[in-house]
Amino acid sequence: MTDPNPGSTAGELTKSRRLGRGELLFAGLLLAIGVLVFFDTQTLPPSNAASGIGPAFFPRVVAVVAVAIAVTLVVQVLRGGRGHADEGEGDVDLSTLHLSSALIVIGAVVMHSLLLERAGYIITAALTFWAIAYAIGSRRYVRDALLALAVGVVVYVVFTRGLSIRLPAGVLEGVL
């Protein structure tokens, strides 16, 4: 077998092949997610709106785009295209990893899924926003809390009033 890149070493060629497998794996996962989301939207109720745009429209658009990107990536990789590592990639300095920040974000996402129906969208989204802002280093607690509440209220109103998409009100059921 001839080396397509005569100046490369055997280690670089092996690394190049690994990158191709990793890219194909990523494309396969993206394709699987896109197909799963598309078929999962089949269970959503049909639209009652005059526009015909119902709760399945945007997830289907995302699913189709994900499948298109995955197929394009597979074709690109099979044609020999490979991603190149950035200068910052490579050896990882474990002393700079922020495990506590990652755990806070994971905890915030888990909390969001557990509290959404009980506490409601606004409160849950505000707590999640605040926790993630804290995890990435913000220490302006009051400003972050007010901003989180404002974003939560705006998103809730836009979805429930403007788009007629029901978000859980939770403990604020009678207020909203």
C-alpha atoms as a PDB file:
ATOM      1  CA  MET A   1       0.000   0.000   0.000  1.00  0.00           C
ATOM      2  CA  THR A   2       1.379   3.384  -0.914  1.00  0.00           C
ATOM      3  CA  ASP A   3       1.224   6.253   1.494  1.00  0.00           C
ATOM      4  CA  PRO A   4      -1.089   8.995   0.163  1.00  0.00           C
ATOM      5  CA  ASN A   5       1.036  11.506   2.028  1.00  0.00           C
ATOM      6  CA  PRO A   6       4.711  10.543   1.463  1.00  0.00           C
ATOM      7  CA  GLY A   7       5.978  12.947   4.125  1.00  0.00           C
ATOM      8  CA  SER A   8       3.856  11.454   6.892  1.00  0.00           C
ATOM      9  CA  THR A   9       4.990   8.919   9.423  1.00  0.00           C
ATOM     10  CA  ALA A  10       3.195   5.663  10.184  1.00  0.00           C
ATOM     11  CA  GLY A  11       1.880   7.206  13.431  1.00  0.00           C
ATOM     12  CA  GLU A  12       0.358  10.149  11.579  1.00  0.00           C
ATOM     13  CA  LEU A  13      -1.293   7.806   9.072  1.00  0.00           C
ATOM     14  CA  THR A  14      -2.796   5.725  11.902  1.00  0.00           C
ATOM     15  CA  LYS A  15      -3.977   8.919  13.610  1.00  0.00           C
ATOM     16  CA  SER A  16      -5.561  10.047  10.334  1.00  0.00           C
ATOM     17  CA  ARG A  17      -7.459   6.767  10.041  1.00  0.00           C
ATOM     18  CA  ARG A  18      -8.674   7.076  13.647  1.00  0.00           C
ATOM     19  CA  LEU A  19      -9.982  10.548  12.922  1.00  0.00           C
ATOM     20  CA  GLY A  20     -11.963   9.122  10.022  1.00  0.00           C
ATOM     21  CA  ARG A  21     -13.544   6.492  12.242  1.00  0.00           C
ATOM     22  CA  GLY A  22     -14.363   9.067  14.878  1.00  0.00           C
ATOM     23  CA  GLU A  23     -15.940  11.350  12.308  1.00  0.00           C
ATOM     24  CA  LEU A  24     -17.970   8.465  10.910  1.00  0.00           C
ATOM     25  CA  LEU A  25     -19.060   7.550  14.426  1.00  0.00           C
ATOM     26  CA  PHE A  26     -20.152  11.146  15.049  1.00  0.00           C
ATOM     27  CA  ALA A  27     -22.020  11.224  11.728  1.00  0.00           C
ATOM     28  CA  GLY A  28     -23.699   7.918  12.575  1.00  0.00           C
ATOM     29  CA  LEU A  29     -24.820   9.201  15.965  1.00  0.00           C
ATOM     30  CA  LEU A  30     -26.121  12.416  14.411  1.00  0.00           C
ATOM     31  CA  LEU A  31     -27.986  10.380  11.785  1.00  0.00           C
ATOM     32  CA  ALA A  32     -29.494   8.121  14.464  1.00  0.00           C
ATOM     33  CA  ILE A  33     -30.611  11.114  16.530  1.00  0.00           C
ATOM     34  CA  GLY A  34     -32.136  12.799  13.482  1.00  0.00           C
ATOM     35  CA  VAL A  35     -34.049   9.651  12.490  1.00  0.00           C
ATOM     36  CA  LEU A  36     -35.176   9.062  16.089  1.00  0.00           C
ATOM     37  CA  VAL A  37     -36.442  12.637  16.455  1.00  0.00           C
ATOM     38  CA  PHE A  38     -38.231  12.453  13.088  1.00  0.00           C
ATOM     39  CA  PHE A  39     -40.070   9.248  13.975  1.00  0.00           C
ATOM     40  CA  ASP A  40     -40.776  10.488  17.494  1.00  0.00           C
ATOM     41  CA  THR A  41     -42.595  13.503  16.040  1.00  0.00           C
ATOM     42  CA  GLN A  42     -45.112  11.119  14.483  1.00  0.00           C
ATOM     43  CA  THR A  43     -46.644  10.697  17.949  1.00  0.00           C
ATOM     44  CA  LEU A  44     -47.266  14.438  18.410  1.00  0.00           C
ATOM     45  CA  PRO A  45     -50.828  15.687  17.907  1.00  0.00           C
ATOM     46  CA  PRO A  46     -51.764  17.314  14.592  1.00  0.00           C
ATOM     47  CA  SER A  47     -51.996  21.070  14.260  1.00  0.00           C
ATOM     48  CA  ASN A  48     -55.146  22.912  15.270  1.00  0.00           C
ATOM     49  CA  ALA A  49     -53.812  26.217  13.979  1.00  0.00           C
ATOM     50  CA  ALA A  50     -54.975  27.802  10.734  1.00  0.00           C
ATOM     51  CA  SER A  51     -51.358  27.932   9.558  1.00  0.00           C
ATOM     52  CA  GLY A  52     -51.032  24.153   9.826  1.00  0.00           C
ATOM     53  CA  ILE A  53     -47.871  24.525  11.883  1.00  0.00           C
ATOM     54  CA  GLY A  54     -48.218  22.315  14.909  1.00  0.00           C
ATOM     55  CA  PRO A  55     -45.977  21.028  17.662  1.00  0.00           C
ATOM     56  CA  ALA A  56     -44.204  18.601  15.305  1.00  0.00           C
ATOM     57  CA  PHE A  57     -43.124  21.160  12.693  1.00  0.00           C
ATOM     58  CA  PHE A  58     -39.903  22.502  14.203  1.00  0.00           C
ATOM     59  CA  PRO A  59     -38.682  19.161  15.593  1.00  0.00           C
ATOM     60  CA  ARG A  60     -39.165  17.705  12.097  1.00  0.00           C
ATOM     61  CA  VAL A  61     -37.180  20.558  10.568  1.00  0.00           C
ATOM     62  CA  VAL A  62     -34.369  19.960  13.067  1.00  0.00           C
ATOM     63  CA  ALA A  63     -34.486  16.211  12.364  1.00  0.00           C
ATOM     64  CA  VAL A  64     -34.281  16.696   8.586  1.00  0.00           C
ATOM     65  CA  VAL A  65     -31.386  19.154   8.948  1.00  0.00           C
ATOM     66  CA  ALA A  66     -29.559  16.742  11.288  1.00  0.00           C
ATOM     67  CA  VAL A  67     -29.983  13.874   8.812  1.00  0.00           C
ATOM     68  CA  ALA A  68     -28.811  16.067   5.922  1.00  0.00           C
ATOM     69  CA  ILE A  69     -25.717  17.166   7.840  1.00  0.00           C
ATOM     70  CA  ALA A  70     -24.956  13.578   8.873  1.00  0.00           C
ATOM     71  CA  VAL A  71     -25.252  12.280   5.306  1.00  0.00           C
ATOM     72  CA  THR A  72     -23.090  15.135   4.017  1.00  0.00           C
ATOM     73  CA  LEU A  73     -20.469  14.412   6.676  1.00  0.00           C
ATOM     74  CA  VAL A  74     -20.416  10.691   5.816  1.00  0.00           C
ATOM     75  CA  VAL A  75     -19.943  11.488   2.127  1.00  0.00           C
ATOM     76  CA  GLN A  76     -17.187  13.983   2.942  1.00  0.00           C
ATOM     77  CA  VAL A  77     -15.322  11.528   5.190  1.00  0.00           C
ATOM     78  CA  LEU A  78     -15.646   8.683   2.681  1.00  0.00           C
ATOM     79  CA  ARG A  79     -14.233  10.959  -0.010  1.00  0.00           C
ATOM     80  CA  GLY A  80     -11.133  11.470   2.130  1.00  0.00           C
ATOM     81  CA  GLY A  81     -12.009  14.678   3.944  1.00  0.00           C
ATOM     82  CA  ARG A  82     -10.808  14.734   7.516  1.00  0.00           C
ATOM     83  CA  GLY A  83     -11.053  17.274  10.268  1.00  0.00           C
ATOM     84  CA  HIS A  84      -7.827  18.739  11.569  1.00  0.00           C
ATOM     85  CA  ALA A  85      -7.094  19.179  15.230  1.00  0.00           C
ATOM     86  CA  ASP A  86      -6.859  22.760  16.406  1.00  0.00           C
ATOM     87  CA  GLU A  87      -3.618  23.905  17.954  1.00  0.00           C
ATOM     88  CA  GLY A  88      -5.287  23.838  21.358  1.00  0.00           C
ATOM     89  CA  GLU A  89      -6.245  20.189  21.032  1.00  0.00           C
ATOM     90  CA  GLY A  90      -3.931  17.429  21.997  1.00  0.00           C
ATOM     91  CA  ASP A  91      -2.493  16.951  25.437  1.00  0.00           C
ATOM     92  CA  VAL A  92      -5.002  17.903  28.094  1.00  0.00           C
ATOM     93  CA  ASP A  93      -3.740  19.648  31.189  1.00  0.00           C
ATOM     94  CA  LEU A  94      -5.836  18.032  33.899  1.00  0.00           C
ATOM     95  CA  SER A  95      -5.086  20.878  36.298  1.00  0.00           C
ATOM     96  CA  THR A  96      -7.223  23.228  34.165  1.00  0.00           C
ATOM     97  CA  LEU A  97     -10.301  20.986  34.059  1.00  0.00           C
ATOM     98  CA  HIS A  98     -13.239  22.400  35.965  1.00  0.00           C
ATOM     99  CA  LEU A  99     -14.984  19.273  37.154  1.00  0.00           C
ATOM    100  CA  SER A 100     -17.104  21.189  39.656  1.00  0.00           C
ATOM    101  CA  SER A 101     -18.469  23.435  36.888  1.00  0.00           C
ATOM    102  CA  ALA A 102     -19.331  20.428  34.744  1.00  0.00           C
ATOM    103  CA  LEU A 103     -21.082  18.761  37.672  1.00  0.00           C
ATOM    104  CA  ILE A 104     -23.083  21.932  38.387  1.00  0.00           C
ATOM    105  CA  VAL A 105     -24.251  22.068  34.753  1.00  0.00           C
ATOM    106  CA  ILE A 106     -25.190  18.376  34.792  1.00  0.00           C
ATOM    107  CA  GLY A 107     -27.023  18.901  38.073  1.00  0.00           C
ATOM    108  CA  ALA A 108     -28.871  21.902  36.634  1.00  0.00           C
ATOM    109  CA  VAL A 109     -30.036  19.892  33.632  1.00  0.00           C
ATOM    110  CA  VAL A 110     -31.190  17.003  35.838  1.00  0.00           C
ATOM    111  CA  MET A 111     -32.938  19.467  38.177  1.00  0.00           C
ATOM    112  CA  HIS A 112     -34.651  21.046  35.150  1.00  0.00           C
ATOM    113  CA  SER A 113     -36.063  17.714  34.020  1.00  0.00           C
ATOM    114  CA  LEU A 114     -37.247  16.814  37.535  1.00  0.00           C
ATOM    115  CA  LEU A 115     -38.846  20.162  38.444  1.00  0.00           C
ATOM    116  CA  LEU A 116     -40.357  21.274  35.140  1.00  0.00           C
ATOM    117  CA  GLU A 117     -43.887  19.922  35.685  1.00  0.00           C
ATOM    118  CA  ARG A 118     -43.995  20.596  39.440  1.00  0.00           C
ATOM    119  CA  ALA A 119     -42.469  24.063  39.694  1.00  0.00           C
ATOM    120  CA  GLY A 120     -43.371  25.236  36.202  1.00  0.00           C
ATOM    121  CA  TYR A 121     -41.373  26.515  33.259  1.00  0.00           C
ATOM    122  CA  ILE A 122     -40.550  30.006  34.540  1.00  0.00           C
ATOM    123  CA  ILE A 123     -39.162  28.935  37.908  1.00  0.00           C
ATOM    124  CA  THR A 124     -37.333  25.902  36.524  1.00  0.00           C
ATOM    125  CA  ALA A 125     -35.817  27.814  33.601  1.00  0.00           C
ATOM    126  CA  ALA A 126     -34.721  30.630  35.920  1.00  0.00           C
ATOM    127  CA  LEU A 127     -33.049  28.203  38.350  1.00  0.00           C
ATOM    128  CA  THR A 128     -31.335  26.377  35.474  1.00  0.00           C
ATOM    129  CA  PHE A 129     -30.139  29.640  33.893  1.00  0.00           C
ATOM    130  CA  TRP A 130     -28.839  30.895  37.235  1.00  0.00           C
ATOM    131  CA  ALA A 131     -27.017  27.629  38.026  1.00  0.00           C
ATOM    132  CA  ILE A 132     -25.333  27.513  34.619  1.00  0.00           C
ATOM    133  CA  ALA A 133     -24.325  31.178  34.887  1.00  0.00           C
ATOM    134  CA  TYR A 134     -22.779  30.341  38.270  1.00  0.00           C
ATOM    135  CA  ALA A 135     -21.023  27.291  36.810  1.00  0.00           C
ATOM    136  CA  ILE A 136     -19.363  29.358  34.084  1.00  0.00           C
ATOM    137  CA  GLY A 137     -18.086  31.902  36.557  1.00  0.00           C
ATOM    138  CA  SER A 138     -20.660  34.653  37.001  1.00  0.00           C
ATOM    139  CA  ARG A 139     -20.846  35.916  40.553  1.00  0.00           C
ATOM    140  CA  ARG A 140     -23.470  38.632  40.068  1.00  0.00           C
ATOM    141  CA  TYR A 141     -26.165  36.670  41.821  1.00  0.00           C
ATOM    142  CA  VAL A 142     -28.954  39.245  41.892  1.00  0.00           C
ATOM    143  CA  ARG A 143     -28.439  40.399  38.299  1.00  0.00           C
ATOM    144  CA  ASP A 144     -28.315  36.790  37.080  1.00  0.00           C
ATOM    145  CA  ALA A 145     -31.484  35.899  38.996  1.00  0.00           C
ATOM    146  CA  LEU A 146     -33.376  38.902  37.612  1.00  0.00           C
ATOM    147  CA  LEU A 147     -32.161  38.199  34.080  1.00  0.00           C
ATOM    148  CA  ALA A 148     -33.071  34.521  34.441  1.00  0.00           C
ATOM    149  CA  LEU A 149     -36.581  35.389  35.610  1.00  0.00           C
ATOM    150  CA  ALA A 150     -37.028  37.928  32.813  1.00  0.00           C
ATOM    151  CA  VAL A 151     -35.921  35.453  30.141  1.00  0.00           C
ATOM    152  CA  GLY A 152     -38.147  32.750  31.629  1.00  0.00           C
ATOM    153  CA  VAL A 153     -41.196  35.032  31.644  1.00  0.00           C
ATOM    154  CA  VAL A 154     -40.571  36.271  28.094  1.00  0.00           C
ATOM    155  CA  VAL A 155     -40.129  32.754  26.729  1.00  0.00           C
ATOM    156  CA  TYR A 156     -43.207  31.537  28.613  1.00  0.00           C
ATOM    157  CA  VAL A 157     -45.387  34.379  27.309  1.00  0.00           C
ATOM    158  CA  VAL A 158     -44.120  34.055  23.731  1.00  0.00           C
ATOM    159  CA  PHE A 159     -44.774  30.315  23.673  1.00  0.00           C
ATOM    160  CA  THR A 160     -48.082  30.201  25.549  1.00  0.00           C
ATOM    161  CA  ARG A 161     -49.686  33.392  24.249  1.00  0.00           C
ATOM    162  CA  GLY A 162     -47.959  33.999  20.935  1.00  0.00           C
ATOM    163  CA  LEU A 163     -47.478  30.444  19.651  1.00  0.00           C
ATOM    164  CA  SER A 164     -50.246  28.691  21.633  1.00  0.00           C
ATOM    165  CA  ILE A 165     -47.765  26.093  22.858  1.00  0.00           C
ATOM    166  CA  ARG A 166     -48.532  25.066  26.407  1.00  0.00           C
ATOM    167  CA  LEU A 167     -45.617  25.242  28.822  1.00  0.00           C
ATOM    168  CA  PRO A 168     -46.183  24.042  32.387  1.00  0.00           C
ATOM    169  CA  ALA A 169     -47.118  26.849  34.769  1.00  0.00           C
ATOM    170  CA  GLY A 170     -46.526  24.733  37.884  1.00  0.00           C
ATOM    171  CA  VAL A 171     -46.977  26.645  41.124  1.00  0.00           C
ATOM    172  CA  LEU A 172     -47.809  29.816  39.165  1.00  0.00           C
ATOM    173  CA  GLU A 173     -50.891  28.170  37.576  1.00  0.00           C
ATOM    174  CA  GLY A 174     -53.443  30.695  38.838  1.00  0.00           C
ATOM    175  CA  VAL A 175     -51.161  33.704  38.437  1.00  0.00           C
ATOM    176  CA  LEU A 176     -50.341  33.276  34.757  1.00  0.00           C
END
